[in-house]
Amino acid sequence: MLWCLSTRSLQLILLIIVLTSLSFTIRTVYNFKSRGNENSLDLFCNPKKHVLFLKIHKAGSSTILNILYRYGEARGLKFALPLRDHLGYPRRFKAGFVKNFTQNHTTNYNIICNHMRFNLPEVKKVMPNRTFYFSIIRNPVHVAESSFAYYKDISSAFDKVESLSEFVSNPAKYYSPAKLNSHYSRNLMWFDFGYDNNAEDTHDYVDAAILELERTFDLVLISEYFDESLVLLKEALCWEMKDVSYFKLNARTNASVVPISPAMAEKVQAWNSLDWKLYRHFNGTFWQRVASYGPERMRRDVAHLRTLRERLMGDCLESSSPVAADQIKEEKLRPPEFGKAKILSYVLKSNLTSKAREFCQRMVMPEKYYLDLLHKKQLLPLLTRLRQSIKAAGVG
């Protein structure tokens, strides 16, 4: 009888211990995910290291590219780099546009993020099945204004007019789909996602295309809500807040940005109706993601990201305000200018240590020069193996 009582008491004690441990674990996970700091990662997730970023023109994508470059370089990840400065754009992407792919035919890449016109079957030849797909879009009115500033001299439609207002007042007069670089002047985002930017805007067609994008892309960011977008990206990739820290790159001077009236905005939206429907849809899904994340948690994490950026600016920059490109003395930190766009960048502090200077340079380095750097770094192992092979052959 005494033995039975002891057994029951032991069972009760064990049950209390199990329930207490379970309760503690649940509270720990909840608190860990809700603190809103760098450690607010899911206890059970691993940082994603296979990423595709579809770099949409004129949507703040250069800053995202810099984030990915820094993350991948710091961890020795392998980039699917272009032969030159883009992955065959404006042609639809093919695996052969990746440097050295035709020789290796491998999917052993971690990150692909340079400009391409999306083509999923060919992307799958390069990236493994577990790849995380994401992109960023922007209000088509602002895309059109920026596109006009950058591409006026190379777009067959834009080069016939003096202003975007003149163009959208009668676009059919100036636009010809078959002409060189016409895609920059109509439904540019739709084009970058791989679709026909001159397709008829029908309900069935648009819905089918957007559904396909929903199934393909794990996350679509919104340029107008850049910090909120990066918080969602950090969470989805299981990265830390410092991994998505940034300085805004490739921004234009205020003087080179043309104000858009409401009447003009309506004309731009009508001319870019496919882009407008794309934007409206993913703007809606974006805020659904924010609601799921938690509005208060989002506010805390955005504040944390901005505090981190201010701290990095204090560590790296002479001034938190960007300056015109012609004031940047160091050539590899001076952004190239294109068309009518006047690009801003940053002046680094002159008293940085060599280690700090290397870090800060990468925070502000224009994509052209960062791409050159990655090309050289990824070439070094190939050269080393080649030398070893030659040496071994000589010894033999």
Protein backbone atom coordinates (compact mmCIF):
# COMPACT_ATOMS: atom_id res chain seq x y z
CA MET A 1 0.00 0.00 0.00
CA LEU A 2 2.83 2.36 0.98
CA TRP A 3 4.60 1.41 -2.27
CA CYS A 4 1.44 2.32 -4.28
CA LEU A 5 1.15 5.71 -2.57
CA SER A 6 4.80 6.44 -3.27
CA THR A 7 4.35 5.53 -6.92
CA ARG A 8 1.30 7.78 -7.29
CA SER A 9 3.10 10.62 -5.57
CA LEU A 10 6.06 10.17 -7.91
CA GLN A 11 3.77 10.19 -10.95
CA LEU A 12 2.11 13.39 -9.74
CA ILE A 13 5.48 15.07 -9.18
CA LEU A 14 6.67 14.06 -12.66
CA LEU A 15 3.46 15.39 -14.22
CA ILE A 16 3.91 18.73 -12.45
CA ILE A 17 7.52 18.94 -13.68
CA VAL A 18 6.49 18.22 -17.30
CA LEU A 19 3.69 20.79 -17.26
CA THR A 20 5.93 23.42 -15.67
CA SER A 21 8.68 22.80 -18.24
CA LEU A 22 6.20 22.98 -21.11
CA SER A 23 4.74 26.24 -19.80
CA PHE A 24 8.22 27.72 -19.42
CA THR A 25 9.16 26.71 -22.97
CA ILE A 26 6.00 28.27 -24.44
CA ARG A 27 6.60 31.52 -22.55
CA THR A 28 10.26 31.59 -23.59
CA VAL A 29 9.46 31.15 -27.28
CA TYR A 30 6.71 33.79 -27.14
CA ASN A 31 8.91 36.32 -25.34
CA PHE A 32 11.88 35.55 -27.55
CA LYS A 33 9.85 36.25 -30.70
CA SER A 34 8.17 39.35 -29.27
CA ARG A 35 11.11 41.34 -27.92
CA GLY A 36 11.68 43.19 -31.18
CA ASN A 37 15.48 43.19 -31.05
CA GLU A 38 18.28 41.46 -32.93
CA ASN A 39 17.62 38.23 -31.09
CA SER A 40 13.94 38.05 -32.01
CA LEU A 41 14.52 35.11 -34.34
CA ASP A 42 12.46 31.98 -34.31
CA LEU A 43 14.22 29.53 -32.01
CA PHE A 44 13.75 26.76 -34.54
CA CYS A 45 14.67 28.44 -37.84
CA ASN A 46 17.98 28.54 -39.65
CA PRO A 47 19.21 31.50 -41.71
CA LYS A 48 18.34 31.01 -45.36
CA LYS A 49 21.36 30.94 -47.65
CA HIS A 50 19.72 30.27 -51.01
CA VAL A 51 18.06 33.45 -52.21
CA LEU A 52 16.74 34.87 -55.47
CA PHE A 53 16.07 38.60 -55.55
CA LEU A 54 14.32 39.88 -58.66
CA LYS A 55 15.79 43.36 -59.01
CA ILE A 56 12.98 45.55 -60.33
CA HIS A 57 14.00 48.77 -62.07
CA LYS A 58 13.46 52.05 -60.21
CA ALA A 59 12.04 50.45 -57.06
CA GLY A 60 14.82 50.92 -54.51
CA SER A 61 16.38 47.64 -55.53
CA SER A 62 20.01 48.88 -55.52
CA THR A 63 19.88 49.18 -51.75
CA ILE A 64 18.55 45.61 -51.44
CA LEU A 65 21.31 44.43 -53.77
CA ASN A 66 23.93 45.99 -51.50
CA ILE A 67 22.43 44.18 -48.49
CA LEU A 68 22.65 40.85 -50.31
CA TYR A 69 26.18 41.53 -51.56
CA ARG A 70 27.38 42.30 -48.03
CA TYR A 71 25.61 39.33 -46.47
CA GLY A 72 26.89 36.87 -49.05
CA GLU A 73 30.45 38.18 -49.16
CA ALA A 74 30.81 38.17 -45.36
CA ARG A 75 29.78 34.49 -45.25
CA GLY A 76 31.62 33.24 -48.32
CA LEU A 77 28.40 32.47 -50.19
CA LYS A 78 28.50 31.85 -53.94
CA PHE A 79 26.81 34.37 -56.22
CA ALA A 80 25.37 33.56 -59.63
CA LEU A 81 27.05 36.56 -61.23
CA PRO A 82 26.35 38.04 -64.64
CA LEU A 83 28.84 38.01 -67.49
CA ARG A 84 28.79 41.82 -67.38
CA ASP A 85 26.54 44.08 -65.35
CA HIS A 86 23.20 42.27 -65.79
CA LEU A 87 21.85 38.80 -66.47
CA GLY A 88 21.04 39.23 -70.16
CA TYR A 89 18.47 42.00 -69.62
CA PRO A 90 16.18 42.87 -71.39
CA ARG A 91 16.10 39.36 -72.83
CA ARG A 92 14.32 36.75 -70.73
CA PHE A 93 16.77 35.12 -68.37
CA LYS A 94 18.66 32.01 -69.46
CA ALA A 95 20.96 29.94 -67.28
CA GLY A 96 23.79 30.59 -69.72
CA PHE A 97 23.72 34.28 -68.74
CA VAL A 98 25.38 33.28 -65.45
CA LYS A 99 29.14 33.48 -65.59
CA ASN A 100 30.78 30.03 -65.96
CA PHE A 101 27.43 28.21 -65.84
CA THR A 102 27.84 26.66 -69.30
CA GLN A 103 31.08 25.01 -68.14
CA ASN A 104 29.82 23.77 -64.78
CA HIS A 105 26.03 23.27 -65.16
CA THR A 106 25.68 23.44 -61.38
CA THR A 107 22.96 24.63 -59.02
CA ASN A 108 25.53 25.13 -56.29
CA TYR A 109 24.76 28.86 -56.04
CA ASN A 110 23.54 30.69 -52.96
CA ILE A 111 22.42 34.09 -54.26
CA ILE A 112 21.25 35.45 -57.60
CA CYS A 113 20.30 39.12 -57.48
CA ASN A 114 21.39 41.14 -60.51
CA HIS A 115 19.00 42.61 -63.06
CA MET A 116 17.19 39.98 -65.09
CA ARG A 117 13.91 39.57 -66.89
CA PHE A 118 12.40 36.76 -64.86
CA ASN A 119 12.10 33.30 -66.40
CA LEU A 120 11.34 30.62 -63.79
CA PRO A 121 12.26 27.44 -65.75
CA GLU A 122 15.73 28.83 -66.51
CA VAL A 123 16.18 30.13 -62.95
CA LYS A 124 15.52 26.62 -61.65
CA LYS A 125 18.48 25.36 -63.68
CA VAL A 126 20.71 27.64 -61.61
CA MET A 127 19.16 27.77 -58.14
CA PRO A 128 18.26 24.79 -55.91
CA ASN A 129 14.67 23.89 -55.02
CA ARG A 130 14.93 25.31 -51.49
CA THR A 131 15.63 28.84 -52.78
CA PHE A 132 13.73 31.75 -51.23
CA TYR A 133 12.25 34.04 -53.93
CA PHE A 134 11.54 37.70 -53.26
CA SER A 135 11.27 41.02 -55.07
CA ILE A 136 10.31 44.66 -54.50
CA ILE A 137 7.79 46.87 -56.30
CA ARG A 138 6.88 50.55 -56.23
CA ASN A 139 3.95 52.78 -57.07
CA PRO A 140 3.95 52.83 -60.92
CA VAL A 141 3.59 56.63 -60.93
CA HIS A 142 6.94 56.97 -59.19
CA VAL A 143 8.46 54.22 -61.33
CA ALA A 144 7.46 56.12 -64.48
CA GLU A 145 8.84 59.42 -63.20
CA SER A 146 12.16 57.82 -62.28
CA SER A 147 12.32 55.79 -65.47
CA PHE A 148 11.87 58.94 -67.55
CA ALA A 149 14.76 60.63 -65.74
CA TYR A 150 17.08 57.66 -66.22
CA TYR A 151 16.12 56.37 -69.64
CA LYS A 152 14.90 59.37 -71.61
CA ASP A 153 17.89 59.28 -73.94
CA ILE A 154 17.76 55.54 -74.64
CA SER A 155 14.03 54.84 -74.74
CA SER A 156 12.58 55.26 -78.22
CA ALA A 157 9.34 56.58 -76.73
CA PHE A 158 10.79 58.98 -74.17
CA ASP A 159 13.38 60.56 -76.44
CA LYS A 160 10.65 62.15 -78.61
CA VAL A 161 9.27 64.33 -75.81
CA GLU A 162 10.54 66.90 -73.33
CA SER A 163 8.65 65.71 -70.29
CA LEU A 164 6.77 62.76 -68.85
CA SER A 165 3.65 64.91 -68.80
CA GLU A 166 3.90 65.42 -72.55
CA PHE A 167 4.36 61.69 -73.08
CA VAL A 168 1.39 60.47 -71.00
CA SER A 169 -0.88 63.12 -72.51
CA ASN A 170 -0.76 61.14 -75.77
CA PRO A 171 1.44 58.03 -75.32
CA ALA A 172 0.18 56.28 -78.45
CA LYS A 173 1.65 59.10 -80.53
CA TYR A 174 5.18 58.37 -79.30
CA TYR A 175 5.13 54.71 -78.30
CA SER A 176 5.95 51.77 -80.55
CA PRO A 177 6.32 48.34 -78.90
CA ALA A 178 8.86 47.13 -81.44
CA LYS A 179 11.21 50.09 -80.99
CA LEU A 180 14.43 49.90 -78.97
CA ASN A 181 14.01 49.99 -75.16
CA SER A 182 10.31 50.78 -75.42
CA HIS A 183 9.70 48.66 -72.30
CA TYR A 184 11.12 51.41 -70.09
CA SER A 185 8.11 53.57 -70.92
CA ARG A 186 5.24 51.15 -70.21
CA ASN A 187 4.49 48.57 -67.50
CA LEU A 188 8.17 48.24 -66.63
CA MET A 189 7.60 46.12 -63.52
CA TRP A 190 5.31 43.74 -65.41
CA PHE A 191 8.08 43.40 -68.02
CA ASP A 192 10.75 42.69 -65.38
CA PHE A 193 8.59 39.92 -63.92
CA GLY A 194 8.78 38.27 -67.35
CA TYR A 195 5.36 39.13 -68.77
CA ASP A 196 4.27 40.98 -71.89
CA ASN A 197 4.10 44.66 -70.98
CA ASN A 198 1.87 45.30 -74.01
CA ALA A 199 -0.64 42.56 -73.25
CA GLU A 200 -4.33 43.37 -73.18
CA ASP A 201 -5.44 44.24 -69.68
CA THR A 202 -8.14 41.63 -69.14
CA HIS A 203 -9.39 40.34 -65.80
CA ASP A 204 -8.54 36.68 -66.55
CA TYR A 205 -5.04 37.45 -67.84
CA VAL A 206 -4.06 39.68 -64.94
CA ASP A 207 -5.50 37.33 -62.31
CA ALA A 208 -3.68 34.34 -63.80
CA ALA A 209 -0.35 36.19 -63.89
CA ILE A 210 -0.67 37.47 -60.33
CA LEU A 211 -1.63 34.01 -59.08
CA GLU A 212 1.49 32.63 -60.75
CA LEU A 213 3.62 35.25 -59.03
CA GLU A 214 1.96 34.48 -55.69
CA ARG A 215 2.93 30.83 -56.08
CA THR A 216 6.49 31.64 -57.08
CA PHE A 217 7.56 34.49 -54.82
CA ASP A 218 7.74 33.99 -51.07
CA LEU A 219 7.70 37.72 -50.40
CA VAL A 220 7.12 40.93 -52.37
CA LEU A 221 8.36 44.10 -50.68
CA ILE A 222 6.94 47.61 -51.12
CA SER A 223 9.42 50.39 -51.80
CA GLU A 224 7.30 53.11 -50.15
CA TYR A 225 7.49 51.13 -46.87
CA PHE A 226 11.12 50.22 -47.10
CA ASP A 227 11.93 49.71 -43.42
CA GLU A 228 8.80 47.66 -42.80
CA SER A 229 9.75 45.60 -45.86
CA LEU A 230 13.22 44.89 -44.48
CA VAL A 231 11.81 43.82 -41.13
CA LEU A 232 9.57 41.30 -42.92
CA LEU A 233 12.53 40.17 -45.03
CA LYS A 234 14.70 39.71 -41.96
CA GLU A 235 11.99 37.58 -40.37
CA ALA A 236 11.40 35.49 -43.49
CA LEU A 237 15.10 34.80 -44.02
CA CYS A 238 15.77 34.20 -40.31
CA TRP A 239 18.53 36.82 -40.40
CA GLU A 240 19.49 39.37 -37.76
CA MET A 241 18.60 43.05 -37.85
CA LYS A 242 22.21 44.02 -38.50
CA ASP A 243 22.10 41.89 -41.67
CA VAL A 244 19.50 44.20 -43.24
CA SER A 245 21.02 47.48 -42.06
CA TYR A 246 21.55 49.90 -44.94
CA PHE A 247 22.26 53.36 -46.28
CA LYS A 248 19.92 54.44 -49.07
CA LEU A 249 21.77 54.05 -52.38
CA ASN A 250 21.22 55.35 -55.91
CA ALA A 251 18.85 58.08 -54.73
CA ARG A 252 18.46 61.24 -56.80
CA THR A 253 18.76 64.87 -55.80
CA ASN A 254 15.46 66.55 -54.98
CA ALA A 255 16.01 68.96 -57.86
CA SER A 256 16.00 66.11 -60.38
CA VAL A 257 12.68 64.67 -59.15
CA VAL A 258 9.67 66.03 -61.04
CA PRO A 259 6.45 66.60 -59.02
CA ILE A 260 3.44 64.62 -60.27
CA SER A 261 0.00 66.24 -60.21
CA PRO A 262 -3.09 64.11 -59.43
CA ALA A 263 -4.30 64.50 -63.03
CA MET A 264 -0.96 63.39 -64.40
CA ALA A 265 -0.84 60.47 -61.94
CA GLU A 266 -4.17 59.21 -63.30
CA LYS A 267 -2.79 59.25 -66.84
CA VAL A 268 0.35 57.39 -65.75
CA GLN A 269 -1.76 54.76 -63.98
CA ALA A 270 -3.97 54.30 -67.03
CA TRP A 271 -0.99 53.87 -69.35
CA ASN A 272 0.65 51.45 -66.90
CA SER A 273 -2.52 49.61 -65.92
CA LEU A 274 -0.83 46.20 -65.62
CA ASP A 275 1.75 47.62 -63.23
CA TRP A 276 -0.98 49.40 -61.30
CA LYS A 277 -2.94 46.19 -60.74
CA LEU A 278 0.27 44.37 -59.78
CA TYR A 279 1.07 47.06 -57.25
CA ARG A 280 -2.42 47.20 -55.77
CA HIS A 281 -2.50 43.43 -55.28
CA PHE A 282 0.88 43.07 -53.60
CA ASN A 283 0.41 46.22 -51.57
CA GLY A 284 -2.64 44.46 -50.12
CA THR A 285 -0.78 41.21 -49.36
CA PHE A 286 2.08 43.23 -47.87
CA TRP A 287 -0.18 44.77 -45.23
CA GLN A 288 -1.66 41.37 -44.50
CA ARG A 289 1.88 40.24 -43.69
CA VAL A 290 2.38 43.28 -41.47
CA ALA A 291 -0.87 42.50 -39.62
CA SER A 292 0.27 38.91 -39.07
CA TYR A 293 3.64 40.14 -37.85
CA GLY A 294 1.93 42.39 -35.33
CA PRO A 295 1.60 46.20 -35.68
CA GLU A 296 3.19 46.98 -32.32
CA ARG A 297 6.02 44.53 -32.90
CA MET A 298 6.54 46.06 -36.35
CA ARG A 299 6.77 49.57 -34.87
CA ARG A 300 9.39 48.40 -32.36
CA ASP A 301 11.46 46.62 -34.98
CA VAL A 302 11.31 49.52 -37.46
CA ALA A 303 12.48 51.84 -34.68
CA HIS A 304 15.30 49.42 -33.90
CA LEU A 305 16.36 49.26 -37.55
CA ARG A 306 16.41 53.06 -37.78
CA THR A 307 18.40 53.37 -34.57
CA LEU A 308 20.92 50.89 -35.94
CA ARG A 309 21.17 52.89 -39.19
CA GLU A 310 21.75 56.14 -37.29
CA ARG A 311 24.50 54.46 -35.27
CA LEU A 312 26.18 53.18 -38.44
CA MET A 313 25.95 56.62 -40.02
CA GLY A 314 27.67 58.07 -36.97
CA ASP A 315 30.38 55.43 -37.22
CA CYS A 316 30.97 55.68 -40.98
CA LEU A 317 29.93 59.00 -42.44
CA GLU A 318 31.07 62.61 -42.29
CA SER A 319 27.40 63.56 -42.51
CA SER A 320 24.15 61.62 -42.47
CA SER A 321 23.03 63.72 -45.46
CA PRO A 322 24.10 62.36 -48.86
CA VAL A 323 25.96 64.58 -51.29
CA ALA A 324 26.13 64.92 -55.06
CA ALA A 325 28.27 62.38 -56.86
CA ASP A 326 30.80 64.98 -57.99
CA GLN A 327 31.69 65.62 -54.34
CA ILE A 328 32.84 62.02 -53.85
CA LYS A 329 36.63 62.00 -54.25
CA GLU A 330 37.13 58.24 -54.14
CA GLU A 331 36.32 56.88 -57.60
CA LYS A 332 35.07 53.44 -56.51
CA LEU A 333 32.61 55.11 -54.13
CA ARG A 334 31.32 57.61 -56.70
CA PRO A 335 28.03 56.44 -58.26
CA PRO A 336 27.85 56.63 -62.05
CA GLU A 337 25.22 59.04 -63.33
CA PHE A 338 22.72 58.06 -65.98
CA GLY A 339 20.49 60.22 -68.16
CA LYS A 340 19.08 63.26 -66.39
CA ALA A 341 19.30 61.62 -62.98
CA LYS A 342 21.67 63.27 -60.51
CA ILE A 343 22.75 60.60 -58.05
CA LEU A 344 23.60 61.08 -54.38
CA SER A 345 26.10 59.21 -52.25
CA TYR A 346 28.09 59.58 -49.02
CA VAL A 347 31.44 60.85 -47.79
CA LEU A 348 33.21 58.50 -45.39
CA LYS A 349 35.02 59.70 -42.30
CA SER A 350 38.71 60.21 -42.89
CA ASN A 351 39.92 58.78 -39.58
CA LEU A 352 38.49 55.25 -39.89
CA THR A 353 40.61 52.22 -39.04
CA SER A 354 41.38 49.94 -41.98
CA LYS A 355 38.82 47.38 -40.76
CA ALA A 356 36.11 50.01 -40.22
CA ARG A 357 36.90 51.63 -43.55
CA GLU A 358 36.47 48.32 -45.39
CA PHE A 359 33.09 47.78 -43.73
CA CYS A 360 31.90 51.35 -44.37
CA GLN A 361 33.06 51.29 -47.98
CA ARG A 362 30.86 48.30 -48.64
CA MET A 363 27.88 50.07 -47.08
CA VAL A 364 28.09 52.83 -49.70
CA MET A 365 29.79 51.12 -52.64
CA PRO A 366 27.91 51.52 -55.96
CA GLU A 367 26.77 48.20 -57.40
CA LYS A 368 29.07 48.45 -60.43
CA TYR A 369 32.20 48.48 -58.26
CA TYR A 370 30.88 45.96 -55.75
CA LEU A 371 30.10 43.60 -58.64
CA ASP A 372 33.68 43.98 -59.90
CA LEU A 373 34.91 43.12 -56.42
CA LEU A 374 32.77 39.96 -56.24
CA HIS A 375 33.91 38.87 -59.70
CA LYS A 376 37.53 39.07 -58.53
CA LYS A 377 36.86 37.28 -55.24
CA GLN A 378 35.03 34.40 -56.93
CA LEU A 379 37.79 34.11 -59.54
CA LEU A 380 40.53 33.59 -56.94
CA PRO A 381 39.60 29.98 -56.00
CA LEU A 382 39.46 29.06 -59.70
CA LEU A 383 42.92 30.52 -60.29
CA THR A 384 44.26 28.72 -57.23
CA ARG A 385 42.93 25.37 -58.43
CA LEU A 386 44.33 26.05 -61.89
CA ARG A 387 47.79 26.77 -60.50
CA GLN A 388 47.63 23.62 -58.38
CA SER A 389 46.65 21.56 -61.43
CA ILE A 390 49.51 23.01 -63.48
CA LYS A 391 51.95 22.39 -60.67
CA ALA A 392 50.74 18.81 -60.23
CA ALA A 393 51.02 18.18 -63.96
CA GLY A 394 54.54 19.57 -63.96
CA VAL A 395 55.56 17.38 -61.05
CA GLY A 396 54.10 14.34 -62.79
